[in-house]
Amino acid sequence: MTLALTLGMTIGVRRTMWMMFGELLGVATVAIAAVVGVAAIMLKFPNIFSLFKIVGACYLGYLGIQMWLSKGKMAISHNQETPQTISRKGLFLQGLITAIANPKGWAFMISLLPPFIDSSSAIAPQLMILLSIIMVSEFVCMMLYATGGKSLGMMISNAENVRLMNRISGSLMLGVALWLALT
């Protein structure tokens, strides 16, 4: 590998890190807001909390079914133009705004986190544990995406591979939905 190529890859990874930091902060914000909001509802209106949990299970089930029925149309074409250069601040804000403005992220956090909250215990320690798990998982996944981007790009350029990934993800969503509905 040439020095220029190695330096180019290092600079690209560093720039990607700014976007990932923004994304992590956004996901943390959404998770905290979801837990605090759900905890407030859970403590004051336990019946609404139960309904909320069922609606969350239904939503995750819906997402799982949609992923299963997907035909892999989201495969990426290799004919895309090279992206323009964006500042570190721009990348950070793009990651942050993408995470906070994503309604599916909100719905996912709101439907996933409530079963892990014990209303008879202090919320803050529970939130810290949940947030730690979410942040570590999110960071590991983003690092895998960033480091495996080229391989992943080749893999998801094939509609059959996208369909397989959707079915795996859909099955996991359906499993979580079933678990939520039964607990």
C-alpha atoms as a PDB file:
ATOM      1  CA  MET A   1       0.000   0.000   0.000  1.00  0.00           C
ATOM      2  CA  THR A   2       1.402   3.409  -0.869  1.00  0.00           C
ATOM      3  CA  LEU A   3       1.938   6.116   1.723  1.00  0.00           C
ATOM      4  CA  ALA A   4      -0.531   8.443  -0.014  1.00  0.00           C
ATOM      5  CA  LEU A   5      -3.238   5.772  -0.009  1.00  0.00           C
ATOM      6  CA  THR A   6      -2.593   4.970   3.665  1.00  0.00           C
ATOM      7  CA  LEU A   7      -2.719   8.667   4.606  1.00  0.00           C
ATOM      8  CA  GLY A   8      -5.888   9.129   2.542  1.00  0.00           C
ATOM      9  CA  MET A   9      -7.557   6.222   4.331  1.00  0.00           C
ATOM     10  CA  THR A  10      -6.473   7.571   7.740  1.00  0.00           C
ATOM     11  CA  ILE A  11      -7.849  11.033   6.972  1.00  0.00           C
ATOM     12  CA  GLY A  12     -11.087   9.458   5.686  1.00  0.00           C
ATOM     13  CA  VAL A  13     -11.503   7.431   8.883  1.00  0.00           C
ATOM     14  CA  ARG A  14     -10.801  10.500  11.045  1.00  0.00           C
ATOM     15  CA  ARG A  15     -13.408  12.506   9.145  1.00  0.00           C
ATOM     16  CA  THR A  16     -15.888   9.653   9.484  1.00  0.00           C
ATOM     17  CA  MET A  17     -15.249   9.621  13.237  1.00  0.00           C
ATOM     18  CA  TRP A  18     -16.684  13.159  13.524  1.00  0.00           C
ATOM     19  CA  MET A  19     -19.934  11.971  11.970  1.00  0.00           C
ATOM     20  CA  MET A  20     -19.937   8.935  14.253  1.00  0.00           C
ATOM     21  CA  PHE A  21     -19.470  11.119  17.349  1.00  0.00           C
ATOM     22  CA  GLY A  22     -22.445  13.210  16.276  1.00  0.00           C
ATOM     23  CA  GLU A  23     -24.480  10.058  15.700  1.00  0.00           C
ATOM     24  CA  LEU A  24     -23.522   8.687  19.129  1.00  0.00           C
ATOM     25  CA  LEU A  25     -24.517  11.918  20.854  1.00  0.00           C
ATOM     26  CA  GLY A  26     -27.818  11.917  18.963  1.00  0.00           C
ATOM     27  CA  VAL A  27     -28.572   8.286  19.846  1.00  0.00           C
ATOM     28  CA  ALA A  28     -27.713   8.978  23.493  1.00  0.00           C
ATOM     29  CA  THR A  29     -30.052  11.981  23.480  1.00  0.00           C
ATOM     30  CA  VAL A  30     -32.886   9.931  21.990  1.00  0.00           C
ATOM     31  CA  ALA A  31     -32.315   7.056  24.450  1.00  0.00           C
ATOM     32  CA  ILE A  32     -32.260   9.372  27.474  1.00  0.00           C
ATOM     33  CA  ALA A  33     -35.387  11.217  26.330  1.00  0.00           C
ATOM     34  CA  ALA A  34     -37.149   7.924  25.623  1.00  0.00           C
ATOM     35  CA  VAL A  35     -36.312   6.441  29.028  1.00  0.00           C
ATOM     36  CA  VAL A  36     -37.153   9.606  30.973  1.00  0.00           C
ATOM     37  CA  GLY A  37     -40.419  10.097  29.077  1.00  0.00           C
ATOM     38  CA  VAL A  38     -41.410   6.464  29.374  1.00  0.00           C
ATOM     39  CA  ALA A  39     -40.439   6.394  33.054  1.00  0.00           C
ATOM     40  CA  ALA A  40     -42.658   9.411  33.738  1.00  0.00           C
ATOM     41  CA  ILE A  41     -45.593   7.739  31.988  1.00  0.00           C
ATOM     42  CA  MET A  42     -44.869   4.409  33.683  1.00  0.00           C
ATOM     43  CA  LEU A  43     -44.877   5.901  37.172  1.00  0.00           C
ATOM     44  CA  LYS A  44     -47.997   8.035  36.755  1.00  0.00           C
ATOM     45  CA  PHE A  45     -50.060   5.906  34.375  1.00  0.00           C
ATOM     46  CA  PRO A  46     -49.161   2.188  34.561  1.00  0.00           C
ATOM     47  CA  ASN A  47     -52.074   1.201  32.283  1.00  0.00           C
ATOM     48  CA  ILE A  48     -50.896   3.587  29.575  1.00  0.00           C
ATOM     49  CA  PHE A  49     -47.416   2.106  29.961  1.00  0.00           C
ATOM     50  CA  SER A  50     -48.795  -1.372  29.270  1.00  0.00           C
ATOM     51  CA  LEU A  51     -50.623  -0.065  26.223  1.00  0.00           C
ATOM     52  CA  PHE A  52     -47.457   1.719  25.129  1.00  0.00           C
ATOM     53  CA  LYS A  53     -45.522  -1.546  25.388  1.00  0.00           C
ATOM     54  CA  ILE A  54     -48.091  -3.380  23.249  1.00  0.00           C
ATOM     55  CA  VAL A  55     -48.072  -0.607  20.640  1.00  0.00           C
ATOM     56  CA  GLY A  56     -44.251  -0.771  20.622  1.00  0.00           C
ATOM     57  CA  ALA A  57     -44.370  -4.530  20.124  1.00  0.00           C
ATOM     58  CA  CYS A  58     -46.806  -4.081  17.242  1.00  0.00           C
ATOM     59  CA  TYR A  59     -44.574  -1.441  15.656  1.00  0.00           C
ATOM     60  CA  LEU A  60     -41.490  -3.661  15.906  1.00  0.00           C
ATOM     61  CA  GLY A  61     -43.540  -6.525  14.474  1.00  0.00           C
ATOM     62  CA  TYR A  62     -44.630  -4.282  11.600  1.00  0.00           C
ATOM     63  CA  LEU A  63     -41.008  -3.292  10.914  1.00  0.00           C
ATOM     64  CA  GLY A  64     -39.957  -6.946  11.028  1.00  0.00           C
ATOM     65  CA  ILE A  65     -42.655  -7.949   8.540  1.00  0.00           C
ATOM     66  CA  GLN A  66     -41.759  -5.024   6.249  1.00  0.00           C
ATOM     67  CA  MET A  67     -38.118  -6.117   6.316  1.00  0.00           C
ATOM     68  CA  TRP A  68     -39.105  -9.689   5.514  1.00  0.00           C
ATOM     69  CA  LEU A  69     -41.254  -8.582   2.585  1.00  0.00           C
ATOM     70  CA  SER A  70     -38.568  -6.248   1.209  1.00  0.00           C
ATOM     71  CA  LYS A  71     -37.360  -7.263  -2.217  1.00  0.00           C
ATOM     72  CA  GLY A  72     -33.820  -5.890  -1.817  1.00  0.00           C
ATOM     73  CA  LYS A  73     -34.528  -2.744  -3.833  1.00  0.00           C
ATOM     74  CA  MET A  74     -32.171  -0.756  -1.600  1.00  0.00           C
ATOM     75  CA  ALA A  75     -29.100  -2.335  -3.210  1.00  0.00           C
ATOM     76  CA  ILE A  76     -26.417   0.275  -3.835  1.00  0.00           C
ATOM     77  CA  SER A  77     -25.263   1.071  -7.339  1.00  0.00           C
ATOM     78  CA  HIS A  78     -21.510   1.451  -7.921  1.00  0.00           C
ATOM     79  CA  ASN A  79     -22.132   4.317 -10.373  1.00  0.00           C
ATOM     80  CA  GLN A  80     -22.405   6.941  -7.637  1.00  0.00           C
ATOM     81  CA  GLU A  81     -20.389  10.156  -7.742  1.00  0.00           C
ATOM     82  CA  THR A  82     -17.667  10.823  -5.200  1.00  0.00           C
ATOM     83  CA  PRO A  83     -18.999  12.730  -2.206  1.00  0.00           C
ATOM     84  CA  GLN A  84     -17.990  16.349  -1.749  1.00  0.00           C
ATOM     85  CA  THR A  85     -15.741  17.392   1.108  1.00  0.00           C
ATOM     86  CA  ILE A  86     -17.616  18.385   4.281  1.00  0.00           C
ATOM     87  CA  SER A  87     -16.076  20.040   7.352  1.00  0.00           C
ATOM     88  CA  ARG A  88     -15.671  18.185  10.647  1.00  0.00           C
ATOM     89  CA  LYS A  89     -18.357  20.346  12.207  1.00  0.00           C
ATOM     90  CA  GLY A  90     -20.648  19.617   9.257  1.00  0.00           C
ATOM     91  CA  LEU A  91     -20.058  15.874   9.599  1.00  0.00           C
ATOM     92  CA  PHE A  92     -20.667  16.022  13.363  1.00  0.00           C
ATOM     93  CA  LEU A  93     -23.912  17.959  12.886  1.00  0.00           C
ATOM     94  CA  GLN A  94     -25.013  15.621  10.100  1.00  0.00           C
ATOM     95  CA  GLY A  95     -24.599  12.612  12.409  1.00  0.00           C
ATOM     96  CA  LEU A  96     -26.301  14.368  15.331  1.00  0.00           C
ATOM     97  CA  ILE A  97     -29.271  15.648  13.333  1.00  0.00           C
ATOM     98  CA  THR A  98     -29.706  12.334  11.531  1.00  0.00           C
ATOM     99  CA  ALA A  99     -29.955  10.463  14.852  1.00  0.00           C
ATOM    100  CA  ILE A 100     -32.242  12.972  16.566  1.00  0.00           C
ATOM    101  CA  ALA A 101     -34.543  13.527  13.586  1.00  0.00           C
ATOM    102  CA  ASN A 102     -35.017   9.832  12.824  1.00  0.00           C
ATOM    103  CA  PRO A 103     -38.576   8.888  13.881  1.00  0.00           C
ATOM    104  CA  LYS A 104     -37.740   5.192  13.623  1.00  0.00           C
ATOM    105  CA  GLY A 105     -34.922   5.684  16.127  1.00  0.00           C
ATOM    106  CA  TRP A 106     -37.352   7.306  18.553  1.00  0.00           C
ATOM    107  CA  ALA A 107     -39.957   4.592  18.030  1.00  0.00           C
ATOM    108  CA  PHE A 108     -37.338   1.882  18.407  1.00  0.00           C
ATOM    109  CA  MET A 109     -35.933   3.310  21.652  1.00  0.00           C
ATOM    110  CA  ILE A 110     -39.382   3.954  23.085  1.00  0.00           C
ATOM    111  CA  SER A 111     -40.546   0.439  22.266  1.00  0.00           C
ATOM    112  CA  LEU A 112     -37.314  -1.333  23.227  1.00  0.00           C
ATOM    113  CA  LEU A 113     -36.256   0.309  26.495  1.00  0.00           C
ATOM    114  CA  PRO A 114     -39.396   0.226  28.724  1.00  0.00           C
ATOM    115  CA  PRO A 115     -39.258  -3.494  29.573  1.00  0.00           C
ATOM    116  CA  PHE A 116     -35.801  -2.964  31.031  1.00  0.00           C
ATOM    117  CA  ILE A 117     -36.972  -0.261  33.455  1.00  0.00           C
ATOM    118  CA  ASP A 118     -37.947  -1.334  36.965  1.00  0.00           C
ATOM    119  CA  SER A 119     -40.312   1.289  38.397  1.00  0.00           C
ATOM    120  CA  SER A 120     -39.475   0.246  41.966  1.00  0.00           C
ATOM    121  CA  SER A 121     -35.772   1.098  41.533  1.00  0.00           C
ATOM    122  CA  ALA A 122     -33.954   4.359  40.901  1.00  0.00           C
ATOM    123  CA  ILE A 123     -34.138   5.365  37.233  1.00  0.00           C
ATOM    124  CA  ALA A 124     -30.680   7.010  36.974  1.00  0.00           C
ATOM    125  CA  PRO A 125     -28.560   3.841  37.507  1.00  0.00           C
ATOM    126  CA  GLN A 126     -30.812   1.878  35.168  1.00  0.00           C
ATOM    127  CA  LEU A 127     -30.513   4.611  32.547  1.00  0.00           C
ATOM    128  CA  MET A 128     -26.713   4.625  32.842  1.00  0.00           C
ATOM    129  CA  ILE A 129     -26.543   0.852  32.328  1.00  0.00           C
ATOM    130  CA  LEU A 130     -28.941   0.934  29.354  1.00  0.00           C
ATOM    131  CA  LEU A 131     -27.169   3.924  27.844  1.00  0.00           C
ATOM    132  CA  SER A 132     -23.771   2.245  28.248  1.00  0.00           C
ATOM    133  CA  ILE A 133     -24.979  -0.877  26.464  1.00  0.00           C
ATOM    134  CA  ILE A 134     -26.580   1.146  23.668  1.00  0.00           C
ATOM    135  CA  MET A 135     -23.532   3.379  23.184  1.00  0.00           C
ATOM    136  CA  VAL A 136     -21.063   0.481  23.109  1.00  0.00           C
ATOM    137  CA  SER A 137     -23.266  -1.448  20.667  1.00  0.00           C
ATOM    138  CA  GLU A 138     -23.761   1.615  18.473  1.00  0.00           C
ATOM    139  CA  PHE A 139     -20.044   2.438  18.457  1.00  0.00           C
ATOM    140  CA  VAL A 140     -19.005  -1.137  17.616  1.00  0.00           C
ATOM    141  CA  CYS A 141     -21.537  -1.308  14.789  1.00  0.00           C
ATOM    142  CA  MET A 142     -20.454   2.052  13.370  1.00  0.00           C
ATOM    143  CA  MET A 143     -16.786   1.013  13.528  1.00  0.00           C
ATOM    144  CA  LEU A 144     -17.638  -2.190  11.692  1.00  0.00           C
ATOM    145  CA  TYR A 145     -19.496  -0.173   9.058  1.00  0.00           C
ATOM    146  CA  ALA A 146     -16.648   2.322   8.728  1.00  0.00           C
ATOM    147  CA  THR A 147     -13.854  -0.233   8.528  1.00  0.00           C
ATOM    148  CA  GLY A 148     -15.779  -2.677   6.390  1.00  0.00           C
ATOM    149  CA  GLY A 149     -17.348  -0.038   4.153  1.00  0.00           C
ATOM    150  CA  LYS A 150     -15.833  -1.247   0.889  1.00  0.00           C
ATOM    151  CA  SER A 151     -16.678  -4.889   1.540  1.00  0.00           C
ATOM    152  CA  LEU A 152     -20.117  -3.922   2.811  1.00  0.00           C
ATOM    153  CA  GLY A 153     -20.643  -1.763  -0.284  1.00  0.00           C
ATOM    154  CA  MET A 154     -19.859  -4.717  -2.530  1.00  0.00           C
ATOM    155  CA  MET A 155     -22.089  -6.958  -0.467  1.00  0.00           C
ATOM    156  CA  ILE A 156     -25.102  -4.648  -0.499  1.00  0.00           C
ATOM    157  CA  SER A 157     -24.796  -3.959  -4.192  1.00  0.00           C
ATOM    158  CA  ASN A 158     -26.440  -7.360  -4.660  1.00  0.00           C
ATOM    159  CA  ALA A 159     -30.212  -7.322  -4.075  1.00  0.00           C
ATOM    160  CA  GLU A 160     -30.145 -10.924  -2.807  1.00  0.00           C
ATOM    161  CA  ASN A 161     -27.681 -10.008  -0.049  1.00  0.00           C
ATOM    162  CA  VAL A 162     -29.798  -7.017   0.947  1.00  0.00           C
ATOM    163  CA  ARG A 163     -32.856  -9.268   1.063  1.00  0.00           C
ATOM    164  CA  LEU A 164     -30.997 -11.769   3.284  1.00  0.00           C
ATOM    165  CA  MET A 165     -29.843  -9.013   5.676  1.00  0.00           C
ATOM    166  CA  ASN A 166     -33.404  -7.653   5.797  1.00  0.00           C
ATOM    167  CA  ARG A 167     -34.770 -11.092   6.630  1.00  0.00           C
ATOM    168  CA  ILE A 168     -32.252 -11.606   9.409  1.00  0.00           C
ATOM    169  CA  SER A 169     -32.983  -8.132  10.822  1.00  0.00           C
ATOM    170  CA  GLY A 170     -36.727  -8.657  10.351  1.00  0.00           C
ATOM    171  CA  SER A 171     -36.588 -11.956  12.226  1.00  0.00           C
ATOM    172  CA  LEU A 172     -34.760 -10.293  15.115  1.00  0.00           C
ATOM    173  CA  MET A 173     -37.349  -7.472  15.190  1.00  0.00           C
ATOM    174  CA  LEU A 174     -40.183  -9.999  15.208  1.00  0.00           C
ATOM    175  CA  GLY A 175     -38.467 -11.854  18.057  1.00  0.00           C
ATOM    176  CA  VAL A 176     -38.175  -8.669  20.132  1.00  0.00           C
ATOM    177  CA  ALA A 177     -41.797  -7.780  19.298  1.00  0.00           C
ATOM    178  CA  LEU A 178     -42.978 -11.201  20.452  1.00  0.00           C
ATOM    179  CA  TRP A 179     -40.904 -10.938  23.632  1.00  0.00           C
ATOM    180  CA  LEU A 180     -42.328  -7.465  24.349  1.00  0.00           C
ATOM    181  CA  ALA A 181     -45.885  -8.659  23.786  1.00  0.00           C
ATOM    182  CA  LEU A 182     -45.446 -11.664  26.082  1.00  0.00           C
ATOM    183  CA  THR A 183     -43.645  -9.969  29.004  1.00  0.00           C
END
